[in-house]
Amino acid sequence: MSYQPIENYGIIGNMRSAALVGLHGSIDWFCFPHFDSPSLFAAILDNKKGGRFSICPAKENYKAKQFYWPETNVLITRFLSDDGIVEITDYMPVGDDIKKEKDFRVVRRIRGIHGKYKMKMQCDPAFNYGRDAHEINITDKGAAFFSQHLSMGLASTIPLNSKYSGAYAEFTIAENDNVVFVLHKIEGKECQITFSEEQAEKRFKNTIKFWRDWVQKSTYKGRWREMVIRSALTLKLLTFEPSGAIVASPTCGLPESIGGERNWDYRYSWIRDASFTIYGLMRIGFTEEARNFMQWIEKICKDPNKDGSIQIMYGIDGRKKLDEHTLDHFEGYRKSNPVRVGNGAYNQLQLDIYGELMDSVYLYNKYGSPISYDFWKSLTNLIEWVCENWQNTDEGIWEVRGKQQHFIYSKMMCWVALDRAIRLADKRSFPSDKVRWQKIRDQIYEEIMEKGWNNKLQSFVQAYDGEVLDASNLIMPLVFFVSPTDPRMLKTLDATMKNPEKGGLVTNSLVYRYNVGHNVDGLDGVEGTFNICTFWLVEALTRSGFEDPGRLEDARLIFEQMLGYSNHLGLFSEEIGLSGEALGNTPQAFTHLSLISAAYNLDRALG
């Protein structure tokens, strides 16, 4: 099989791990048992060595369609040809069906709809990113794959054969026939469970009910409900339920440009991403996720670094060390290498995270539940750290691997951290050094206005005294740093919306983070437009549109045009390439949370 376009994949999961299922019927990415565990299937990163779990028609003269069972994360892949119709239902049981790690399962049910279809199944695991050898044992219950550190079973309702180091089967499926495969963890060297069609049907109904019940909690009734609910369902899948952490994406190594080096591991929880995610979910009624995340944040804040700071990201279990290394035996997606595992940015200095954290805590205290005094004390320690360190240079929101700078976004979010701390102290009458905080907050504001504004460009810029625009400045009115109709903000909007050839960041409504040609990030190559930045543009235009109907109409047009860049399932990756292709890790939490926020605020503005 050749590499599939990144946009050809859907996702299934159980809030512990996730799998990517392609339009061609193959699971080409799956880590077990958790998001950040070594991969079992990674054909998306190496077509030959990565491993896959493929189910597809034996003949190639077919069309494929893919969709989610409405309001769920149960994925249907349908094959259509002159021979008839057959469909695969893929899901991972959730809720009461998973109590222990051994219950983490991938269920694949093949059902005949019309005619007769000859199908083939190939399950070729590649343990530990394809680095660990394994043996196979076939019994009447299915196949067992056992390596040094992990053993997996493939229960089957039809006989299996071994082929090389994998399990293989060819079978004919007629109307109303069902074949079931279940991938699961085993102890020992034999497949230890049987899984009947009746059991598959029961688990299927339980999973459908779980997702439908969860969706019913949504309070969003606006114009774009289907896309908003799909984004919410995706974000829920990216939640690590045991800890409340939210991963930025379930994948690693997918490139921001084909053949380039911008290939990162996003299977961790960024303070920034998770904070924005909670804001998005709370806006549409999902407060339980906010509570779980706040519990995770509270643990993080109570265990700061020796200097009083916190990290920008953590493992989903809260671990701090996320050492980065490369999988040199993998060629990378379409030969995009290196393939990185771990993330060397974990110990970067990114001052903005304190603003996002405090904003989410403030909103949770306001719309969720009041925070405790002990949590407040931990937060005040962080605020004191911000007071002492906000004047430092840092790597910024985009995690540059070049030199540190005085990034405007970082300074602005330090202002947000102090502003929300002051508001929270007032609202709850918490003890605080409010006089000092206000003085430093105002000092940050004046400095941004003096050093972050470029008179020549008539715009806020990326860094102090710089001449490079940055889409992160579109956040300014969203966090109430400036009024959305402030002349400086309107001029920044106008400058940003120019074509890159004229110094702007927008090409036919799609927004770049910044101009990579100025070499601000210390990396070679180019990248696509950044999806979250397009939704930020929509929000900035929406807010300025309260006094300018023309800008509000522009916001709606850009938003609805952007929805057309999702894949066939309504999923977004990190970026969009020149030909409209998906780039970067997928699906991307950052993108889906910004879609929810933009949809909510735009719908409210339109009335």
Foldseek 3Di string as FASTA:
>chain_A
DAADFPQQWAWAFALFAIWTAGLQAKGQWTAPPGLQHFTFHHCLFFVPQRWMKGKHFPDDAWDWDKEADPLASWIKIWIDDPQAIKIKIWYWFYDPQDDDRQSGKIKIKIAAAAHKTKMKIKGTTQPRRNPWDWAWDFDPQFIWIDTDPFIKTKGKPDGWDDDDRIIMDIDMHHHGDMIMIMIGTDPDGDRDDHADPVNVVVSVVNRVVVSNVLLVQWQDPFDPVRLLSLLVNVQSRQHNPVQLAGWQFSDWQFFLDQQFARTGGGNWGFLQLLLLLCVLCVLTRPQVSLVSNVNNVLVQLVDDPPLLHGWRIAHSVRHQDFDKDFPVVGCTRNNHDGTIGGGPLRPWDAQLSLLSNLVSLLVCVVRNNNDDLSSLVSLQSNLVVLLVDLPDFTCYPVNFPDDTAAFLSSLVSNLNNLVSNLVSCVVVVHDHPNVSSVVSSVVSLVQCVVFQADPVQLAGDTGGVDLKHFLSCLCCCVSPSDQLQPSSNVSNLVSQCDDVVSRHADDPLFGAGIPCVVVPRVGDDDGAGFQLSSLSSLVSLLRNCLVPVVSLVVSVVSLVVSQVLRRSHSFAPGGAHPVSGGTHHPRGSSNSSSNSVSSSSSRVSVD
